[in-house]
Amino acid sequence: SITFSTLFLIASYWLAWFFFKKVPLHHKRT
């Protein structure tokens, strides 16, 4: 359970990075 919970945290960091990087620039001004 700790292993899968830890992997989820890593996935959430990956997701945050993905949105920070991939959201188009014109949306980032909103």
All heavy atoms as atom14 arrays in JSON, in Angstrom:
{
  "sequence": "SITFSTLFLIASYWLAWFFFKKVPLHHKRT",
  "atom14_mask": [
    [1, 1, 1, 1, 1, 1, 0, 0, 0, 0, 0, 0, 0, 0],
    [1, 1, 1, 1, 1, 1, 1, 1, 0, 0, 0, 0, 0, 0],
    [1, 1, 1, 1, 1, 1, 1, 0, 0, 0, 0, 0, 0, 0],
    [1, 1, 1, 1, 1, 1, 1, 1, 1, 1, 1, 0, 0, 0],
    [1, 1, 1, 1, 1, 1, 0, 0, 0, 0, 0, 0, 0, 0],
    [1, 1, 1, 1, 1, 1, 1, 0, 0, 0, 0, 0, 0, 0],
    [1, 1, 1, 1, 1, 1, 1, 1, 0, 0, 0, 0, 0, 0],
    [1, 1, 1, 1, 1, 1, 1, 1, 1, 1, 1, 0, 0, 0],
    [1, 1, 1, 1, 1, 1, 1, 1, 0, 0, 0, 0, 0, 0],
    [1, 1, 1, 1, 1, 1, 1, 1, 0, 0, 0, 0, 0, 0],
    [1, 1, 1, 1, 1, 0, 0, 0, 0, 0, 0, 0, 0, 0],
    [1, 1, 1, 1, 1, 1, 0, 0, 0, 0, 0, 0, 0, 0],
    [1, 1, 1, 1, 1, 1, 1, 1, 1, 1, 1, 1, 0, 0],
    [1, 1, 1, 1, 1, 1, 1, 1, 1, 1, 1, 1, 1, 1],
    [1, 1, 1, 1, 1, 1, 1, 1, 0, 0, 0, 0, 0, 0],
    [1, 1, 1, 1, 1, 0, 0, 0, 0, 0, 0, 0, 0, 0],
    [1, 1, 1, 1, 1, 1, 1, 1, 1, 1, 1, 1, 1, 1],
    [1, 1, 1, 1, 1, 1, 1, 1, 1, 1, 1, 0, 0, 0],
    [1, 1, 1, 1, 1, 1, 1, 1, 1, 1, 1, 0, 0, 0],
    [1, 1, 1, 1, 1, 1, 1, 1, 1, 1, 1, 0, 0, 0],
    [1, 1, 1, 1, 1, 1, 1, 1, 1, 0, 0, 0, 0, 0],
    [1, 1, 1, 1, 1, 1, 1, 1, 1, 0, 0, 0, 0, 0],
    [1, 1, 1, 1, 1, 1, 1, 0, 0, 0, 0, 0, 0, 0],
    [1, 1, 1, 1, 1, 1, 1, 0, 0, 0, 0, 0, 0, 0],
    [1, 1, 1, 1, 1, 1, 1, 1, 0, 0, 0, 0, 0, 0],
    [1, 1, 1, 1, 1, 1, 1, 1, 1, 1, 0, 0, 0, 0],
    [1, 1, 1, 1, 1, 1, 1, 1, 1, 1, 0, 0, 0, 0],
    [1, 1, 1, 1, 1, 1, 1, 1, 1, 0, 0, 0, 0, 0],
    [1, 1, 1, 1, 1, 1, 1, 1, 1, 1, 1, 0, 0, 0],
    [1, 1, 1, 1, 1, 1, 1, 0, 0, 0, 0, 0, 0, 0]
  ],
  "atom14_positions": [
    [[0.83, -1.21, 0.0], [0.0, 0.0, 0.0], [0.86, 1.26, 0.0], [0.55, 2.24, -0.7], [-0.94, 0.0, 1.21], [-0.21, -0.07, 2.41], [0.0, 0.0, 0.0], [0.0, 0.0, 0.0], [0.0, 0.0, 0.0], [0.0, 0.0, 0.0], [0.0, 0.0, 0.0], [0.0, 0.0, 0.0], [0.0, 0.0, 0.0], [0.0, 0.0, 0.0]],
    [[1.94, 1.24, 0.76], [2.85, 2.4, 0.79], [3.52, 2.57, -0.57], [3.7, 3.69, -1.06], [3.89, 2.24, 1.91], [3.21, 2.36, 3.28], [5.01, 3.27, 1.77], [4.13, 2.07, 4.45], [0.0, 0.0, 0.0], [0.0, 0.0, 0.0], [0.0, 0.0, 0.0], [0.0, 0.0, 0.0], [0.0, 0.0, 0.0], [0.0, 0.0, 0.0]],
    [[3.89, 1.46, -1.2], [4.51, 1.52, -2.53], [3.58, 2.17, -3.54], [3.96, 3.09, -4.27], [4.9, 0.11, -3.01], [5.84, -0.46, -2.1], [5.5, 0.17, -4.41], [0.0, 0.0, 0.0], [0.0, 0.0, 0.0], [0.0, 0.0, 0.0], [0.0, 0.0, 0.0], [0.0, 0.0, 0.0], [0.0, 0.0, 0.0], [0.0, 0.0, 0.0]],
    [[2.33, 1.71, -3.58], [1.37, 2.27, -4.54], [1.02, 3.72, -4.2], [0.83, 4.54, -5.11], [0.12, 1.41, -4.61], [0.31, 0.13, -5.36], [0.22, -1.09, -4.71], [0.58, 0.14, -6.71], [0.4, -2.29, -5.4], [0.76, -1.05, -7.43], [0.68, -2.26, -6.77], [0.0, 0.0, 0.0], [0.0, 0.0, 0.0], [0.0, 0.0, 0.0]],
    [[0.94, 4.04, -2.9], [0.68, 5.43, -2.5], [1.82, 6.34, -2.94], [1.59, 7.47, -3.42], [0.51, 5.52, -0.98], [-0.57, 4.74, -0.54], [0.0, 0.0, 0.0], [0.0, 0.0, 0.0], [0.0, 0.0, 0.0], [0.0, 0.0, 0.0], [0.0, 0.0, 0.0], [0.0, 0.0, 0.0], [0.0, 0.0, 0.0], [0.0, 0.0, 0.0]],
    [[3.04, 5.85, -2.78], [4.21, 6.63, -3.2], [4.22, 6.82, -4.71], [4.5, 7.92, -5.21], [5.5, 5.92, -2.76], [5.48, 5.74, -1.34], [6.73, 6.74, -3.15], [0.0, 0.0, 0.0], [0.0, 0.0, 0.0], [0.0, 0.0, 0.0], [0.0, 0.0, 0.0], [0.0, 0.0, 0.0], [0.0, 0.0, 0.0], [0.0, 0.0, 0.0]],
    [[3.88, 5.77, -5.45], [3.82, 5.88, -6.9], [2.74, 6.86, -7.34], [2.91, 7.58, -8.34], [3.56, 4.5, -7.52], [4.71, 3.5, -7.43], [4.27, 2.13, -7.92], [5.91, 3.99, -8.24], [0.0, 0.0, 0.0], [0.0, 0.0, 0.0], [0.0, 0.0, 0.0], [0.0, 0.0, 0.0], [0.0, 0.0, 0.0], [0.0, 0.0, 0.0]],
    [[1.64, 6.91, -6.58], [0.6, 7.9, -6.91], [1.13, 9.32, -6.73], [0.84, 10.2, -7.55], [-0.64, 7.71, -6.03], [-1.72, 8.71, -6.36], [-2.67, 8.43, -7.31], [-1.76, 9.94, -5.72], [-3.65, 9.37, -7.64], [-2.73, 10.88, -6.04], [-3.67, 10.59, -7.0], [0.0, 0.0, 0.0], [0.0, 0.0, 0.0], [0.0, 0.0, 0.0]],
    [[1.87, 9.56, -5.65], [2.45, 10.89, -5.44], [3.34, 11.28, -6.62], [3.3, 12.41, -7.11], [3.24, 10.93, -4.14], [2.44, 10.79, -2.84], [3.38, 10.82, -1.64], [1.39, 11.88, -2.73], [0.0, 0.0, 0.0], [0.0, 0.0, 0.0], [0.0, 0.0, 0.0], [0.0, 0.0, 0.0], [0.0, 0.0, 0.0], [0.0, 0.0, 0.0]],
    [[4.15, 10.32, -7.07], [5.02, 10.58, -8.23], [4.17, 10.91, -9.46], [4.48, 11.82, -10.23], [5.93, 9.37, -8.48], [6.91, 9.2, -7.3], [6.7, 9.53, -9.79], [7.7, 7.91, -7.34], [0.0, 0.0, 0.0], [0.0, 0.0, 0.0], [0.0, 0.0, 0.0], [0.0, 0.0, 0.0], [0.0, 0.0, 0.0], [0.0, 0.0, 0.0]],
    [[3.07, 10.16, -9.63], [2.17, 10.42, -10.76], [1.57, 11.81, -10.68], [1.4, 12.5, -11.7], [1.06, 9.36, -10.79], [0.0, 0.0, 0.0], [0.0, 0.0, 0.0], [0.0, 0.0, 0.0], [0.0, 0.0, 0.0], [0.0, 0.0, 0.0], [0.0, 0.0, 0.0], [0.0, 0.0, 0.0], [0.0, 0.0, 0.0], [0.0, 0.0, 0.0]],
    [[1.24, 12.26, -9.46], [0.65, 13.59, -9.3], [1.66, 14.68, -9.62], [1.31, 15.72, -10.19], [0.09, 13.77, -7.88], [1.13, 13.81, -6.91], [0.0, 0.0, 0.0], [0.0, 0.0, 0.0], [0.0, 0.0, 0.0], [0.0, 0.0, 0.0], [0.0, 0.0, 0.0], [0.0, 0.0, 0.0], [0.0, 0.0, 0.0], [0.0, 0.0, 0.0]],
    [[2.93, 14.46, -9.26], [3.97, 15.42, -9.63], [4.13, 15.48, -11.15], [4.28, 16.55, -11.74], [5.32, 15.03, -9.01], [5.34, 14.98, -7.5], [6.25, 14.16, -6.82], [4.46, 15.75, -6.74], [6.28, 14.12, -5.44], [4.49, 15.7, -5.35], [5.39, 14.88, -4.7], [5.43, 14.83, -3.34], [0.0, 0.0, 0.0], [0.0, 0.0, 0.0]],
    [[4.1, 14.32, -11.75], [4.22, 14.21, -13.21], [3.05, 14.95, -13.87], [3.22, 15.68, -14.85], [4.24, 12.73, -13.59], [4.5, 12.43, -15.03], [4.89, 13.3, -16.02], [4.37, 11.15, -15.67], [5.01, 12.63, -17.22], [4.7, 11.32, -17.04], [4.02, 9.88, -15.21], [4.68, 10.27, -17.95], [4.0, 8.83, -16.12], [4.33, 9.03, -17.47]],
    [[1.84, 14.76, -13.31], [0.67, 15.41, -13.86], [0.78, 16.93, -13.76], [0.47, 17.66, -14.71], [-0.59, 14.94, -13.14], [-1.86, 15.66, -13.62], [-2.64, 14.8, -14.58], [-2.73, 16.09, -12.46], [0.0, 0.0, 0.0], [0.0, 0.0, 0.0], [0.0, 0.0, 0.0], [0.0, 0.0, 0.0], [0.0, 0.0, 0.0], [0.0, 0.0, 0.0]],
    [[1.21, 17.43, -12.57], [1.35, 18.87, -12.39], [2.35, 19.43, -13.41], [2.1, 20.46, -14.04], [1.79, 19.18, -10.96], [0.0, 0.0, 0.0], [0.0, 0.0, 0.0], [0.0, 0.0, 0.0], [0.0, 0.0, 0.0], [0.0, 0.0, 0.0], [0.0, 0.0, 0.0], [0.0, 0.0, 0.0], [0.0, 0.0, 0.0], [0.0, 0.0, 0.0]],
    [[3.49, 18.76, -13.56], [4.49, 19.19, -14.54], [3.89, 19.21, -15.94], [4.13, 20.13, -16.72], [5.69, 18.24, -14.49], [6.65, 18.46, -15.64], [7.67, 19.35, -15.7], [6.63, 17.77, -16.9], [8.31, 19.27, -16.92], [7.69, 18.31, -17.68], [5.83, 16.76, -17.45], [7.96, 17.87, -18.98], [6.1, 16.33, -18.74], [7.15, 16.88, -19.49]],
    [[3.12, 18.19, -16.26], [2.5, 18.08, -17.58], [1.62, 19.28, -17.87], [1.71, 19.91, -18.94], [1.7, 16.78, -17.66], [0.87, 16.65, -18.91], [1.47, 16.33, -20.12], [-0.5, 16.84, -18.87], [0.7, 16.2, -21.28], [-1.27, 16.72, -20.02], [-0.66, 16.4, -21.23], [0.0, 0.0, 0.0], [0.0, 0.0, 0.0], [0.0, 0.0, 0.0]],
    [[0.75, 19.65, -16.91], [-0.12, 20.79, -17.11], [0.66, 22.1, -17.16], [0.38, 22.98, -17.99], [-1.2, 20.85, -16.03], [-2.32, 19.85, -16.22], [-2.76, 19.08, -15.16], [-2.92, 19.68, -17.46], [-3.79, 18.17, -15.33], [-3.96, 18.76, -17.64], [-4.39, 18.0, -16.57], [0.0, 0.0, 0.0], [0.0, 0.0, 0.0], [0.0, 0.0, 0.0]],
    [[1.64, 22.26, -16.25], [2.45, 23.48, -16.26], [3.13, 23.69, -17.61], [3.22, 24.8, -18.11], [3.53, 23.42, -15.17], [3.0, 23.49, -13.77], [3.7, 22.9, -12.72], [1.82, 24.16, -13.47], [3.23, 22.97, -11.42], [1.32, 24.21, -12.18], [2.03, 23.62, -11.15], [0.0, 0.0, 0.0], [0.0, 0.0, 0.0], [0.0, 0.0, 0.0]],
    [[3.6, 22.6, -18.2], [4.38, 22.69, -19.44], [3.53, 22.73, -20.69], [3.85, 23.44, -21.66], [5.34, 21.49, -19.51], [6.32, 21.53, -20.68], [7.3, 20.39, -20.59], [8.28, 20.38, -21.76], [9.14, 21.58, -21.78], [0.0, 0.0, 0.0], [0.0, 0.0, 0.0], [0.0, 0.0, 0.0], [0.0, 0.0, 0.0], [0.0, 0.0, 0.0]],
    [[2.42, 21.98, -20.72], [1.7, 21.76, -21.96], [0.5, 22.67, -22.18], [0.01, 22.75, -23.32], [1.24, 20.3, -22.04], [2.38, 19.28, -21.99], [3.33, 19.43, -23.16], [4.42, 18.35, -23.13], [5.37, 18.51, -24.27], [0.0, 0.0, 0.0], [0.0, 0.0, 0.0], [0.0, 0.0, 0.0], [0.0, 0.0, 0.0], [0.0, 0.0, 0.0]],
    [[-0.02, 23.3, -21.14], [-1.15, 24.2, -21.34], [-0.72, 25.35, -22.26], [0.3, 25.99, -22.01], [-1.68, 24.75, -20.0], [-2.66, 25.91, -20.22], [-2.36, 23.64, -19.22], [0.0, 0.0, 0.0], [0.0, 0.0, 0.0], [0.0, 0.0, 0.0], [0.0, 0.0, 0.0], [0.0, 0.0, 0.0], [0.0, 0.0, 0.0], [0.0, 0.0, 0.0]],
    [[-1.46, 25.61, -23.35], [-1.06, 26.65, -24.3], [-0.92, 28.02, -23.66], [-1.62, 28.35, -22.69], [-2.21, 26.64, -25.32], [-2.78, 25.26, -25.24], [-2.65, 24.86, -23.79], [0.0, 0.0, 0.0], [0.0, 0.0, 0.0], [0.0, 0.0, 0.0], [0.0, 0.0, 0.0], [0.0, 0.0, 0.0], [0.0, 0.0, 0.0], [0.0, 0.0, 0.0]],
    [[-0.03, 28.82, -24.23], [0.33, 30.11, -23.65], [-0.87, 31.04, -23.52], [-1.01, 31.76, -22.51], [1.42, 30.78, -24.5], [1.97, 32.11, -23.97], [2.62, 31.92, -22.6], [2.97, 32.7, -24.96], [0.0, 0.0, 0.0], [0.0, 0.0, 0.0], [0.0, 0.0, 0.0], [0.0, 0.0, 0.0], [0.0, 0.0, 0.0], [0.0, 0.0, 0.0]],
    [[-1.78, 31.03, -24.5], [-2.91, 31.97, -24.44], [-3.84, 31.65, -23.26], [-4.52, 32.55, -22.75], [-3.69, 31.98, -25.76], [-4.37, 30.69, -26.07], [-3.73, 29.62, -26.67], [-5.67, 30.28, -25.88], [-4.58, 28.63, -26.84], [-5.75, 28.99, -26.37], [0.0, 0.0, 0.0], [0.0, 0.0, 0.0], [0.0, 0.0, 0.0], [0.0, 0.0, 0.0]],
    [[-3.85, 30.4, -22.82], [-4.65, 30.07, -21.64], [-3.96, 30.53, -20.35], [-4.62, 30.82, -19.36], [-4.88, 28.55, -21.56], [-5.91, 28.04, -22.51], [-7.2, 28.51, -22.53], [-5.84, 27.09, -23.48], [-7.89, 27.88, -23.46], [-7.1, 27.01, -24.06], [0.0, 0.0, 0.0], [0.0, 0.0, 0.0], [0.0, 0.0, 0.0], [0.0, 0.0, 0.0]],
    [[-2.64, 30.58, -20.37], [-1.89, 30.92, -19.17], [-2.04, 32.38, -18.77], [-1.59, 32.78, -17.7], [-0.41, 30.56, -19.35], [-0.16, 29.06, -19.42], [1.31, 28.72, -19.51], [1.52, 27.21, -19.49], [2.94, 26.84, -19.6], [0.0, 0.0, 0.0], [0.0, 0.0, 0.0], [0.0, 0.0, 0.0], [0.0, 0.0, 0.0], [0.0, 0.0, 0.0]],
    [[-2.66, 33.17, -19.61], [-2.89, 34.58, -19.29], [-4.26, 34.79, -18.63], [-4.62, 35.92, -18.3], [-2.82, 35.43, -20.57], [-1.47, 35.34, -21.29], [-1.41, 36.37, -22.41], [-0.16, 36.27, -23.16], [-0.03, 35.66, -24.33], [-1.09, 35.08, -24.89], [1.13, 35.62, -24.95], [0.0, 0.0, 0.0], [0.0, 0.0, 0.0], [0.0, 0.0, 0.0]],
    [[-5.02, 33.72, -18.44], [-6.38, 33.84, -17.92], [-6.43, 33.7, -16.41], [-5.54, 33.13, -15.78], [-7.28, 32.77, -18.56], [-6.8, 31.46, -18.18], [-7.29, 32.88, -20.07], [0.0, 0.0, 0.0], [0.0, 0.0, 0.0], [0.0, 0.0, 0.0], [0.0, 0.0, 0.0], [0.0, 0.0, 0.0], [0.0, 0.0, 0.0], [0.0, 0.0, 0.0]]
  ]
}
